[in-house]
Amino acid sequence: MVSLLLTAAAVVREKEYGTIEQLMVTPARSFEIFLSKIIPNIFLIVPLSMVGLVGIMKGFYGLPLAGNIFLFYLVLVLYIFVMSSLGIQIALLAKNLPQAIMMMMFILMPMIFLSGTFTPTEAMQPWMRWTGMLIPMHYFVDFTFDVLLKGNSLYYVWPSILGLLVLGTALFVSSSIIFYRQFSK
């Protein structure tokens, strides 16, 4: 969620100040501009999650980390990419920062409740389960439970990784198309 907020805020601010137009006259392509917004989030969020995972989960609560930590961090990078792509898309659709924040709140609340974080997806109505499958957080929550708490291997979690890959690709490509249409004039 932090990557969603940081990326959306950065892109909206650049739209407001007109620096996006300055970036468009450089030889950089739209996906390179987007990657320049996503990669710093990875370098910020991954170390913070390491502190949270080891310090809070293992140190404070004493929960054993049953699974492959390297696999977790690899998929965490993918999840940051997906959420940052969603943040870019929100920023491209919003006219200013307050509007982007309102759009994020409108998206985040259902995302949290339909992801399976508080209520197991098996206990939800079928239409809610299907809606939850359109949410990146759903796949990451499933993946995190399976890897960190159950100790499952890649063999069991590949559907969650595939879901994140599909959503990330769709969001990144659609953001690139929206960006090209808005700023290629």
N, C-alpha and C. Protein backbone atom coordinates (compact mmCIF):
# COMPACT_ATOMS: atom_id res chain seq x y z
N MET A 1 0.82 -1.19 0.00
CA MET A 1 0.00 0.00 0.00
C MET A 1 0.86 1.25 0.00
N VAL A 2 2.03 1.16 0.62
CA VAL A 2 2.93 2.31 0.64
C VAL A 2 3.41 2.62 -0.77
N SER A 3 3.69 1.57 -1.54
CA SER A 3 4.14 1.79 -2.92
C SER A 3 3.05 2.44 -3.76
N LEU A 4 1.81 2.09 -3.51
CA LEU A 4 0.69 2.71 -4.21
C LEU A 4 0.65 4.21 -3.92
N LEU A 5 0.75 4.56 -2.66
CA LEU A 5 0.69 5.96 -2.25
C LEU A 5 1.88 6.77 -2.75
N LEU A 6 3.08 6.23 -2.57
CA LEU A 6 4.28 6.98 -2.97
C LEU A 6 4.33 7.21 -4.47
N THR A 7 4.01 6.19 -5.24
CA THR A 7 4.07 6.33 -6.70
C THR A 7 3.01 7.28 -7.20
N ALA A 8 1.79 7.13 -6.70
CA ALA A 8 0.71 8.02 -7.14
C ALA A 8 1.02 9.47 -6.79
N ALA A 9 1.52 9.70 -5.59
CA ALA A 9 1.84 11.07 -5.18
C ALA A 9 2.96 11.66 -6.04
N ALA A 10 3.97 10.86 -6.36
CA ALA A 10 5.08 11.37 -7.17
C ALA A 10 4.63 11.73 -8.58
N VAL A 11 3.84 10.87 -9.19
CA VAL A 11 3.40 11.12 -10.56
C VAL A 11 2.42 12.29 -10.62
N VAL A 12 1.51 12.38 -9.66
CA VAL A 12 0.55 13.49 -9.65
C VAL A 12 1.29 14.82 -9.45
N ARG A 13 2.26 14.85 -8.56
CA ARG A 13 3.04 16.08 -8.35
C ARG A 13 3.77 16.49 -9.63
N GLU A 14 4.31 15.52 -10.33
CA GLU A 14 4.99 15.84 -11.59
C GLU A 14 4.01 16.35 -12.63
N LYS A 15 2.79 15.82 -12.62
CA LYS A 15 1.77 16.34 -13.53
C LYS A 15 1.41 17.78 -13.16
N GLU A 16 1.26 18.04 -11.87
CA GLU A 16 0.87 19.38 -11.42
C GLU A 16 1.95 20.42 -11.72
N TYR A 17 3.21 20.04 -11.54
CA TYR A 17 4.31 20.98 -11.75
C TYR A 17 4.78 21.05 -13.20
N GLY A 18 4.28 20.16 -14.05
CA GLY A 18 4.65 20.18 -15.46
C GLY A 18 5.96 19.49 -15.78
N THR A 19 6.52 18.76 -14.83
CA THR A 19 7.79 18.09 -15.12
C THR A 19 7.61 16.84 -15.97
N ILE A 20 6.40 16.31 -16.05
CA ILE A 20 6.15 15.17 -16.94
C ILE A 20 6.40 15.59 -18.39
N GLU A 21 5.96 16.79 -18.74
CA GLU A 21 6.18 17.28 -20.10
C GLU A 21 7.68 17.41 -20.38
N GLN A 22 8.44 17.81 -19.38
CA GLN A 22 9.89 17.90 -19.55
C GLN A 22 10.50 16.52 -19.74
N LEU A 23 9.96 15.52 -19.04
CA LEU A 23 10.46 14.15 -19.23
C LEU A 23 10.11 13.61 -20.61
N MET A 24 9.00 14.07 -21.16
CA MET A 24 8.57 13.57 -22.47
C MET A 24 9.49 14.04 -23.60
N VAL A 25 10.19 15.15 -23.43
CA VAL A 25 11.08 15.62 -24.49
C VAL A 25 12.45 14.93 -24.42
N THR A 26 12.68 14.16 -23.38
CA THR A 26 13.92 13.39 -23.29
C THR A 26 13.76 12.12 -24.12
N PRO A 27 14.86 11.44 -24.42
CA PRO A 27 14.73 10.20 -25.20
C PRO A 27 14.15 9.02 -24.41
N ALA A 28 13.84 9.22 -23.15
CA ALA A 28 13.28 8.13 -22.33
C ALA A 28 11.88 7.78 -22.79
N ARG A 29 11.60 6.49 -22.81
CA ARG A 29 10.27 6.02 -23.18
C ARG A 29 9.40 5.95 -21.93
N SER A 30 8.09 5.80 -22.14
CA SER A 30 7.16 5.86 -21.01
C SER A 30 7.44 4.76 -19.98
N PHE A 31 7.77 3.56 -20.43
CA PHE A 31 8.02 2.50 -19.45
C PHE A 31 9.29 2.77 -18.65
N GLU A 32 10.26 3.46 -19.25
CA GLU A 32 11.47 3.81 -18.50
C GLU A 32 11.17 4.88 -17.45
N ILE A 33 10.29 5.79 -17.80
CA ILE A 33 9.87 6.81 -16.83
C ILE A 33 9.13 6.15 -15.67
N PHE A 34 8.28 5.17 -15.98
CA PHE A 34 7.55 4.45 -14.93
C PHE A 34 8.50 3.65 -14.05
N LEU A 35 9.46 2.98 -14.66
CA LEU A 35 10.41 2.21 -13.86
C LEU A 35 11.21 3.11 -12.93
N SER A 36 11.45 4.36 -13.35
CA SER A 36 12.16 5.28 -12.47
C SER A 36 11.32 5.67 -11.26
N LYS A 37 10.03 5.46 -11.33
CA LYS A 37 9.15 5.72 -10.18
C LYS A 37 8.99 4.46 -9.31
N ILE A 38 9.13 3.29 -9.92
CA ILE A 38 8.90 2.04 -9.21
C ILE A 38 10.15 1.56 -8.47
N ILE A 39 11.30 1.64 -9.10
CA ILE A 39 12.53 1.08 -8.51
C ILE A 39 12.88 1.71 -7.16
N PRO A 40 12.77 3.03 -6.97
CA PRO A 40 13.04 3.56 -5.62
C PRO A 40 12.12 3.00 -4.54
N ASN A 41 10.88 2.69 -4.91
CA ASN A 41 9.97 2.07 -3.94
C ASN A 41 10.49 0.71 -3.49
N ILE A 42 11.06 -0.03 -4.42
CA ILE A 42 11.60 -1.34 -4.07
C ILE A 42 12.72 -1.19 -3.05
N PHE A 43 13.62 -0.22 -3.30
CA PHE A 43 14.74 -0.02 -2.38
C PHE A 43 14.32 0.56 -1.04
N LEU A 44 13.15 1.13 -0.96
CA LEU A 44 12.64 1.65 0.31
C LEU A 44 11.83 0.59 1.07
N ILE A 45 10.96 -0.11 0.37
CA ILE A 45 10.00 -0.99 1.03
C ILE A 45 10.60 -2.33 1.43
N VAL A 46 11.49 -2.89 0.61
CA VAL A 46 12.06 -4.20 0.94
C VAL A 46 12.85 -4.16 2.25
N PRO A 47 13.74 -3.19 2.48
CA PRO A 47 14.41 -3.17 3.79
C PRO A 47 13.45 -2.95 4.96
N LEU A 48 12.43 -2.11 4.75
CA LEU A 48 11.45 -1.91 5.82
C LEU A 48 10.69 -3.19 6.13
N SER A 49 10.38 -3.96 5.11
CA SER A 49 9.68 -5.22 5.35
C SER A 49 10.60 -6.24 6.02
N MET A 50 11.89 -6.15 5.75
CA MET A 50 12.83 -7.03 6.45
C MET A 50 12.82 -6.74 7.95
N VAL A 51 12.82 -5.47 8.29
CA VAL A 51 12.76 -5.08 9.70
C VAL A 51 11.45 -5.56 10.31
N GLY A 52 10.35 -5.36 9.59
CA GLY A 52 9.05 -5.79 10.10
C GLY A 52 8.94 -7.29 10.25
N LEU A 53 9.46 -8.00 9.26
CA LEU A 53 9.36 -9.45 9.28
C LEU A 53 10.19 -10.05 10.40
N VAL A 54 11.43 -9.65 10.48
CA VAL A 54 12.31 -10.23 11.49
C VAL A 54 12.04 -9.61 12.86
N GLY A 55 11.91 -8.29 12.91
CA GLY A 55 11.75 -7.62 14.20
C GLY A 55 10.41 -7.83 14.85
N ILE A 56 9.36 -7.73 14.08
CA ILE A 56 8.02 -7.82 14.67
C ILE A 56 7.51 -9.25 14.68
N MET A 57 7.51 -9.88 13.51
CA MET A 57 6.92 -11.21 13.42
C MET A 57 7.71 -12.25 14.24
N LYS A 58 9.01 -12.23 14.07
CA LYS A 58 9.82 -13.22 14.76
C LYS A 58 10.24 -12.73 16.15
N GLY A 59 10.68 -11.48 16.24
CA GLY A 59 11.18 -10.97 17.51
C GLY A 59 10.10 -10.69 18.53
N PHE A 60 9.06 -9.96 18.14
CA PHE A 60 8.04 -9.55 19.09
C PHE A 60 6.99 -10.64 19.32
N TYR A 61 6.45 -11.20 18.23
CA TYR A 61 5.40 -12.22 18.37
C TYR A 61 5.95 -13.63 18.52
N GLY A 62 7.19 -13.84 18.15
CA GLY A 62 7.79 -15.16 18.27
C GLY A 62 7.27 -16.17 17.27
N LEU A 63 6.72 -15.70 16.16
CA LEU A 63 6.21 -16.62 15.14
C LEU A 63 7.38 -17.20 14.34
N PRO A 64 7.37 -18.49 14.14
CA PRO A 64 8.44 -19.08 13.32
C PRO A 64 8.21 -18.77 11.85
N LEU A 65 9.27 -18.46 11.14
CA LEU A 65 9.18 -18.25 9.70
C LEU A 65 9.45 -19.59 9.03
N ALA A 66 8.38 -20.22 8.58
CA ALA A 66 8.47 -21.60 8.11
C ALA A 66 8.97 -21.74 6.69
N GLY A 67 8.84 -20.70 5.88
CA GLY A 67 9.10 -20.85 4.46
C GLY A 67 10.39 -20.23 3.97
N ASN A 68 10.48 -20.16 2.66
CA ASN A 68 11.64 -19.64 1.97
C ASN A 68 11.58 -18.11 1.96
N ILE A 69 12.46 -17.48 2.71
CA ILE A 69 12.48 -16.02 2.83
C ILE A 69 12.88 -15.37 1.51
N PHE A 70 13.82 -15.98 0.79
CA PHE A 70 14.25 -15.42 -0.49
C PHE A 70 13.08 -15.38 -1.48
N LEU A 71 12.29 -16.44 -1.52
CA LEU A 71 11.11 -16.47 -2.39
C LEU A 71 10.12 -15.38 -1.98
N PHE A 72 9.96 -15.19 -0.68
CA PHE A 72 9.06 -14.14 -0.21
C PHE A 72 9.50 -12.77 -0.70
N TYR A 73 10.78 -12.46 -0.56
CA TYR A 73 11.25 -11.14 -0.98
C TYR A 73 11.23 -10.98 -2.49
N LEU A 74 11.43 -12.05 -3.22
CA LEU A 74 11.34 -11.99 -4.68
C LEU A 74 9.92 -11.63 -5.11
N VAL A 75 8.94 -12.27 -4.50
CA VAL A 75 7.54 -11.98 -4.83
C VAL A 75 7.12 -10.64 -4.24
N LEU A 76 7.71 -10.22 -3.14
CA LEU A 76 7.45 -8.88 -2.61
C LEU A 76 7.84 -7.81 -3.62
N VAL A 77 8.96 -8.00 -4.31
CA VAL A 77 9.38 -7.06 -5.35
C VAL A 77 8.33 -7.02 -6.47
N LEU A 78 7.81 -8.18 -6.84
CA LEU A 78 6.75 -8.24 -7.85
C LEU A 78 5.50 -7.52 -7.36
N TYR A 79 5.14 -7.72 -6.11
CA TYR A 79 3.96 -7.05 -5.55
C TYR A 79 4.14 -5.53 -5.51
N ILE A 80 5.33 -5.07 -5.17
CA ILE A 80 5.61 -3.63 -5.20
C ILE A 80 5.45 -3.10 -6.61
N PHE A 81 5.92 -3.86 -7.59
CA PHE A 81 5.76 -3.46 -9.00
C PHE A 81 4.28 -3.34 -9.37
N VAL A 82 3.48 -4.32 -8.96
CA VAL A 82 2.05 -4.31 -9.28
C VAL A 82 1.35 -3.12 -8.62
N MET A 83 1.59 -2.91 -7.34
CA MET A 83 0.93 -1.82 -6.63
C MET A 83 1.42 -0.45 -7.12
N SER A 84 2.68 -0.35 -7.49
CA SER A 84 3.19 0.90 -8.05
C SER A 84 2.57 1.17 -9.41
N SER A 85 2.36 0.13 -10.20
CA SER A 85 1.69 0.30 -11.49
C SER A 85 0.26 0.78 -11.30
N LEU A 86 -0.40 0.26 -10.28
CA LEU A 86 -1.75 0.75 -9.95
C LEU A 86 -1.69 2.21 -9.51
N GLY A 87 -0.68 2.57 -8.73
CA GLY A 87 -0.51 3.95 -8.30
C GLY A 87 -0.28 4.89 -9.48
N ILE A 88 0.50 4.44 -10.46
CA ILE A 88 0.72 5.25 -11.66
C ILE A 88 -0.58 5.44 -12.41
N GLN A 89 -1.37 4.38 -12.51
CA GLN A 89 -2.64 4.49 -13.23
C GLN A 89 -3.59 5.46 -12.51
N ILE A 90 -3.65 5.39 -11.21
CA ILE A 90 -4.48 6.33 -10.44
C ILE A 90 -4.00 7.75 -10.67
N ALA A 91 -2.69 7.95 -10.63
CA ALA A 91 -2.13 9.29 -10.81
C ALA A 91 -2.42 9.84 -12.20
N LEU A 92 -2.42 8.98 -13.20
CA LEU A 92 -2.70 9.45 -14.56
C LEU A 92 -4.17 9.81 -14.74
N LEU A 93 -5.03 9.17 -13.97
CA LEU A 93 -6.46 9.47 -14.08
C LEU A 93 -6.87 10.67 -13.22
N ALA A 94 -6.09 10.96 -12.18
CA ALA A 94 -6.42 12.07 -11.27
C ALA A 94 -5.87 13.39 -11.81
N LYS A 95 -6.55 14.46 -11.46
CA LYS A 95 -6.11 15.79 -11.89
C LYS A 95 -5.17 16.44 -10.87
N ASN A 96 -5.33 16.09 -9.59
CA ASN A 96 -4.49 16.67 -8.55
C ASN A 96 -4.32 15.66 -7.42
N LEU A 97 -3.48 16.00 -6.44
CA LEU A 97 -3.17 15.07 -5.35
C LEU A 97 -4.37 14.73 -4.48
N PRO A 98 -5.21 15.69 -4.07
CA PRO A 98 -6.38 15.30 -3.27
C PRO A 98 -7.31 14.33 -4.02
N GLN A 99 -7.47 14.53 -5.31
CA GLN A 99 -8.30 13.61 -6.08
C GLN A 99 -7.66 12.22 -6.14
N ALA A 100 -6.35 12.16 -6.28
CA ALA A 100 -5.66 10.87 -6.29
C ALA A 100 -5.80 10.15 -4.95
N ILE A 101 -5.71 10.90 -3.85
CA ILE A 101 -5.86 10.29 -2.52
C ILE A 101 -7.28 9.76 -2.34
N MET A 102 -8.27 10.50 -2.79
CA MET A 102 -9.65 10.02 -2.70
C MET A 102 -9.85 8.76 -3.54
N MET A 103 -9.26 8.72 -4.72
CA MET A 103 -9.36 7.52 -5.55
C MET A 103 -8.69 6.33 -4.87
N MET A 104 -7.55 6.58 -4.23
CA MET A 104 -6.86 5.49 -3.52
C MET A 104 -7.69 4.97 -2.36
N MET A 105 -8.31 5.86 -1.60
CA MET A 105 -9.16 5.42 -0.49
C MET A 105 -10.35 4.62 -1.00
N PHE A 106 -10.89 5.05 -2.13
CA PHE A 106 -12.02 4.34 -2.74
C PHE A 106 -11.61 2.93 -3.17
N ILE A 107 -10.36 2.77 -3.56
CA ILE A 107 -9.87 1.47 -4.01
C ILE A 107 -9.34 0.64 -2.85
N LEU A 108 -8.64 1.27 -1.91
CA LEU A 108 -7.96 0.52 -0.84
C LEU A 108 -8.91 -0.18 0.12
N MET A 109 -9.99 0.45 0.50
CA MET A 109 -10.88 -0.18 1.48
C MET A 109 -11.46 -1.50 0.96
N PRO A 110 -12.06 -1.53 -0.23
CA PRO A 110 -12.53 -2.83 -0.73
C PRO A 110 -11.38 -3.80 -0.96
N MET A 111 -10.22 -3.27 -1.36
CA MET A 111 -9.07 -4.14 -1.60
C MET A 111 -8.66 -4.87 -0.32
N ILE A 112 -8.65 -4.16 0.78
CA ILE A 112 -8.25 -4.76 2.05
C ILE A 112 -9.27 -5.81 2.50
N PHE A 113 -10.55 -5.48 2.40
CA PHE A 113 -11.57 -6.40 2.89
C PHE A 113 -11.79 -7.60 1.98
N LEU A 114 -11.55 -7.47 0.69
CA LEU A 114 -11.76 -8.59 -0.23
C LEU A 114 -10.51 -9.42 -0.46
N SER A 115 -9.39 -9.02 0.14
CA SER A 115 -8.14 -9.73 -0.10
C SER A 115 -7.99 -11.00 0.71
N GLY A 116 -8.76 -11.16 1.76
CA GLY A 116 -8.61 -12.32 2.63
C GLY A 116 -7.77 -12.02 3.85
N THR A 117 -7.45 -10.76 4.07
CA THR A 117 -6.65 -10.38 5.22
C THR A 117 -7.41 -10.57 6.52
N PHE A 118 -8.66 -10.12 6.56
CA PHE A 118 -9.47 -10.21 7.78
C PHE A 118 -10.44 -11.37 7.75
N THR A 119 -10.98 -11.67 6.60
CA THR A 119 -11.96 -12.74 6.45
C THR A 119 -11.44 -13.74 5.42
N PRO A 120 -11.43 -15.01 5.73
CA PRO A 120 -10.99 -15.98 4.72
C PRO A 120 -11.87 -15.90 3.47
N THR A 121 -11.25 -16.02 2.32
CA THR A 121 -12.01 -15.92 1.07
C THR A 121 -13.03 -17.04 0.94
N GLU A 122 -12.79 -18.15 1.60
CA GLU A 122 -13.74 -19.27 1.55
C GLU A 122 -15.05 -18.92 2.23
N ALA A 123 -15.03 -17.97 3.17
CA ALA A 123 -16.24 -17.58 3.90
C ALA A 123 -17.02 -16.48 3.18
N MET A 124 -16.51 -16.00 2.06
CA MET A 124 -17.18 -14.92 1.33
C MET A 124 -18.17 -15.48 0.33
N GLN A 125 -19.09 -14.62 -0.08
CA GLN A 125 -20.02 -14.98 -1.14
C GLN A 125 -19.24 -15.22 -2.44
N PRO A 126 -19.76 -16.06 -3.33
CA PRO A 126 -19.01 -16.34 -4.58
C PRO A 126 -18.66 -15.09 -5.39
N TRP A 127 -19.59 -14.14 -5.48
CA TRP A 127 -19.28 -12.94 -6.27
C TRP A 127 -18.19 -12.11 -5.62
N MET A 128 -18.10 -12.17 -4.29
CA MET A 128 -17.03 -11.45 -3.60
C MET A 128 -15.68 -12.14 -3.83
N ARG A 129 -15.70 -13.48 -3.86
CA ARG A 129 -14.48 -14.21 -4.15
C ARG A 129 -13.96 -13.89 -5.54
N TRP A 130 -14.87 -13.83 -6.51
CA TRP A 130 -14.48 -13.52 -7.89
C TRP A 130 -13.97 -12.09 -7.99
N THR A 131 -14.59 -11.18 -7.27
CA THR A 131 -14.11 -9.79 -7.27
C THR A 131 -12.73 -9.71 -6.62
N GLY A 132 -12.53 -10.48 -5.57
CA GLY A 132 -11.24 -10.51 -4.91
C GLY A 132 -10.11 -11.01 -5.79
N MET A 133 -10.45 -11.81 -6.79
CA MET A 133 -9.42 -12.32 -7.70
C MET A 133 -8.92 -11.23 -8.66
N LEU A 134 -9.57 -10.09 -8.68
CA LEU A 134 -9.11 -8.96 -9.50
C LEU A 134 -8.22 -8.02 -8.70
N ILE A 135 -7.95 -8.38 -7.46
CA ILE A 135 -7.21 -7.52 -6.54
C ILE A 135 -5.81 -8.11 -6.31
N PRO A 136 -4.75 -7.32 -6.54
CA PRO A 136 -3.40 -7.84 -6.33
C PRO A 136 -3.13 -8.28 -4.89
N MET A 137 -3.72 -7.59 -3.93
CA MET A 137 -3.49 -7.92 -2.53
C MET A 137 -3.98 -9.33 -2.19
N HIS A 138 -5.02 -9.79 -2.86
CA HIS A 138 -5.55 -11.14 -2.65
C HIS A 138 -4.46 -12.17 -2.90
N TYR A 139 -3.76 -12.03 -4.01
CA TYR A 139 -2.72 -12.99 -4.36
C TYR A 139 -1.52 -12.89 -3.43
N PHE A 140 -1.19 -11.67 -3.01
CA PHE A 140 -0.05 -11.52 -2.11
C PHE A 140 -0.35 -12.04 -0.71
N VAL A 141 -1.56 -11.83 -0.24
CA VAL A 141 -1.94 -12.35 1.08
C VAL A 141 -1.92 -13.88 1.07
N ASP A 142 -2.50 -14.48 0.04
CA ASP A 142 -2.46 -15.94 -0.08
C ASP A 142 -1.02 -16.45 -0.12
N PHE A 143 -0.21 -15.80 -0.93
CA PHE A 143 1.19 -16.19 -1.06
C PHE A 143 1.91 -16.08 0.28
N THR A 144 1.71 -14.98 0.99
CA THR A 144 2.39 -14.75 2.26
C THR A 144 2.01 -15.80 3.30
N PHE A 145 0.71 -16.09 3.40
CA PHE A 145 0.28 -17.13 4.34
C PHE A 145 0.89 -18.48 3.97
N ASP A 146 0.86 -18.80 2.69
CA ASP A 146 1.36 -20.10 2.24
C ASP A 146 2.86 -20.25 2.45
N VAL A 147 3.62 -19.21 2.18
CA VAL A 147 5.08 -19.32 2.26
C VAL A 147 5.58 -19.12 3.68
N LEU A 148 5.19 -18.03 4.33
CA LEU A 148 5.78 -17.71 5.62
C LEU A 148 5.22 -18.52 6.78
N LEU A 149 3.93 -18.80 6.76
CA LEU A 149 3.33 -19.51 7.89
C LEU A 149 3.20 -21.01 7.68
N LYS A 150 2.88 -21.41 6.45
CA LYS A 150 2.72 -22.84 6.18
C LYS A 150 4.00 -23.50 5.68
N GLY A 151 4.93 -22.70 5.16
CA GLY A 151 6.18 -23.24 4.66
C GLY A 151 6.06 -23.91 3.30
N ASN A 152 5.05 -23.56 2.53
CA ASN A 152 4.87 -24.16 1.20
C ASN A 152 5.95 -23.69 0.23
N SER A 153 6.23 -24.55 -0.73
CA SER A 153 7.26 -24.25 -1.72
C SER A 153 6.64 -23.59 -2.95
N LEU A 154 7.48 -23.32 -3.92
CA LEU A 154 7.04 -22.69 -5.17
C LEU A 154 5.99 -23.54 -5.88
N TYR A 155 6.04 -24.83 -5.71
CA TYR A 155 5.09 -25.73 -6.35
C TYR A 155 3.65 -25.41 -5.95
N TYR A 156 3.44 -24.98 -4.72
CA TYR A 156 2.10 -24.70 -4.21
C TYR A 156 1.66 -23.24 -4.40
N VAL A 157 2.60 -22.34 -4.55
CA VAL A 157 2.25 -20.92 -4.60
C VAL A 157 2.32 -20.32 -6.00
N TRP A 158 2.63 -21.11 -7.01
CA TRP A 158 2.76 -20.53 -8.35
C TRP A 158 1.47 -19.89 -8.85
N PRO A 159 0.25 -20.35 -8.48
CA PRO A 159 -0.94 -19.63 -8.96
C PRO A 159 -1.00 -18.19 -8.45
N SER A 160 -0.57 -17.96 -7.22
CA SER A 160 -0.56 -16.60 -6.68
C SER A 160 0.46 -15.73 -7.42
N ILE A 161 1.61 -16.30 -7.71
CA ILE A 161 2.64 -15.56 -8.45
C ILE A 161 2.15 -15.26 -9.86
N LEU A 162 1.50 -16.23 -10.48
CA LEU A 162 0.95 -16.01 -11.83
C LEU A 162 -0.11 -14.92 -11.82
N GLY A 163 -0.97 -14.91 -10.81
CA GLY A 163 -1.99 -13.86 -10.69
C GLY A 163 -1.36 -12.48 -10.57
N LEU A 164 -0.30 -12.38 -9.77
CA LEU A 164 0.40 -11.09 -9.64
C LEU A 164 1.06 -10.68 -10.96
N LEU A 165 1.64 -11.65 -11.65
CA LEU A 165 2.27 -11.34 -12.94
C LEU A 165 1.26 -10.84 -13.96
N VAL A 166 0.11 -11.49 -14.03
CA VAL A 166 -0.92 -11.09 -14.99
C VAL A 166 -1.45 -9.70 -14.65
N LEU A 167 -1.78 -9.47 -13.38
CA LEU A 167 -2.29 -8.15 -12.97
C LEU A 167 -1.23 -7.07 -13.15
N GLY A 168 0.00 -7.37 -12.81
CA GLY A 168 1.08 -6.39 -12.97
C GLY A 168 1.31 -6.01 -14.42
N THR A 169 1.31 -7.01 -15.29
CA THR A 169 1.48 -6.74 -16.72
C THR A 169 0.32 -5.91 -17.26
N ALA A 170 -0.90 -6.28 -16.89
CA ALA A 170 -2.08 -5.55 -17.37
C ALA A 170 -2.06 -4.10 -16.88
N LEU A 171 -1.73 -3.89 -15.62
CA LEU A 171 -1.70 -2.53 -15.07
C LEU A 171 -0.57 -1.70 -15.68
N PHE A 172 0.59 -2.30 -15.86
CA PHE A 172 1.73 -1.57 -16.42
C PHE A 172 1.48 -1.19 -17.87
N VAL A 173 0.96 -2.13 -18.67
CA VAL A 173 0.68 -1.85 -20.08
C VAL A 173 -0.43 -0.81 -20.22
N SER A 174 -1.50 -0.97 -19.43
CA SER A 174 -2.60 0.01 -19.53
C SER A 174 -2.14 1.39 -19.06
N SER A 175 -1.28 1.46 -18.05
CA SER A 175 -0.74 2.75 -17.62
C SER A 175 0.12 3.38 -18.71
N SER A 176 0.90 2.57 -19.40
CA SER A 176 1.72 3.08 -20.50
C SER A 176 0.85 3.63 -21.62
N ILE A 177 -0.25 2.95 -21.92
CA ILE A 177 -1.16 3.41 -22.97
C ILE A 177 -1.82 4.73 -22.56
N ILE A 178 -2.30 4.80 -21.32
CA ILE A 178 -2.92 6.05 -20.84
C ILE A 178 -1.91 7.19 -20.86
N PHE A 179 -0.70 6.91 -20.42
CA PHE A 179 0.36 7.92 -20.40
C PHE A 179 0.65 8.41 -21.81
N TYR A 180 0.77 7.49 -22.75
CA TYR A 180 1.05 7.86 -24.14
C TYR A 180 -0.06 8.72 -24.71
N ARG A 181 -1.30 8.35 -24.44
CA ARG A 181 -2.44 9.12 -24.96
C ARG A 181 -2.54 10.51 -24.34
N GLN A 182 -2.19 10.63 -23.07
CA GLN A 182 -2.29 11.94 -22.40
C GLN A 182 -1.18 12.90 -22.81
N PHE A 183 0.01 12.38 -23.01
CA PHE A 183 1.16 13.27 -23.16
C PHE A 183 1.83 13.23 -24.53
N SER A 184 1.27 12.51 -25.48
CA SER A 184 1.91 12.46 -26.80
C SER A 184 1.38 13.54 -27.74
N LYS A 185 0.49 14.37 -27.25
CA LYS A 185 -0.12 15.41 -28.10
C LYS A 185 0.85 16.51 -28.45
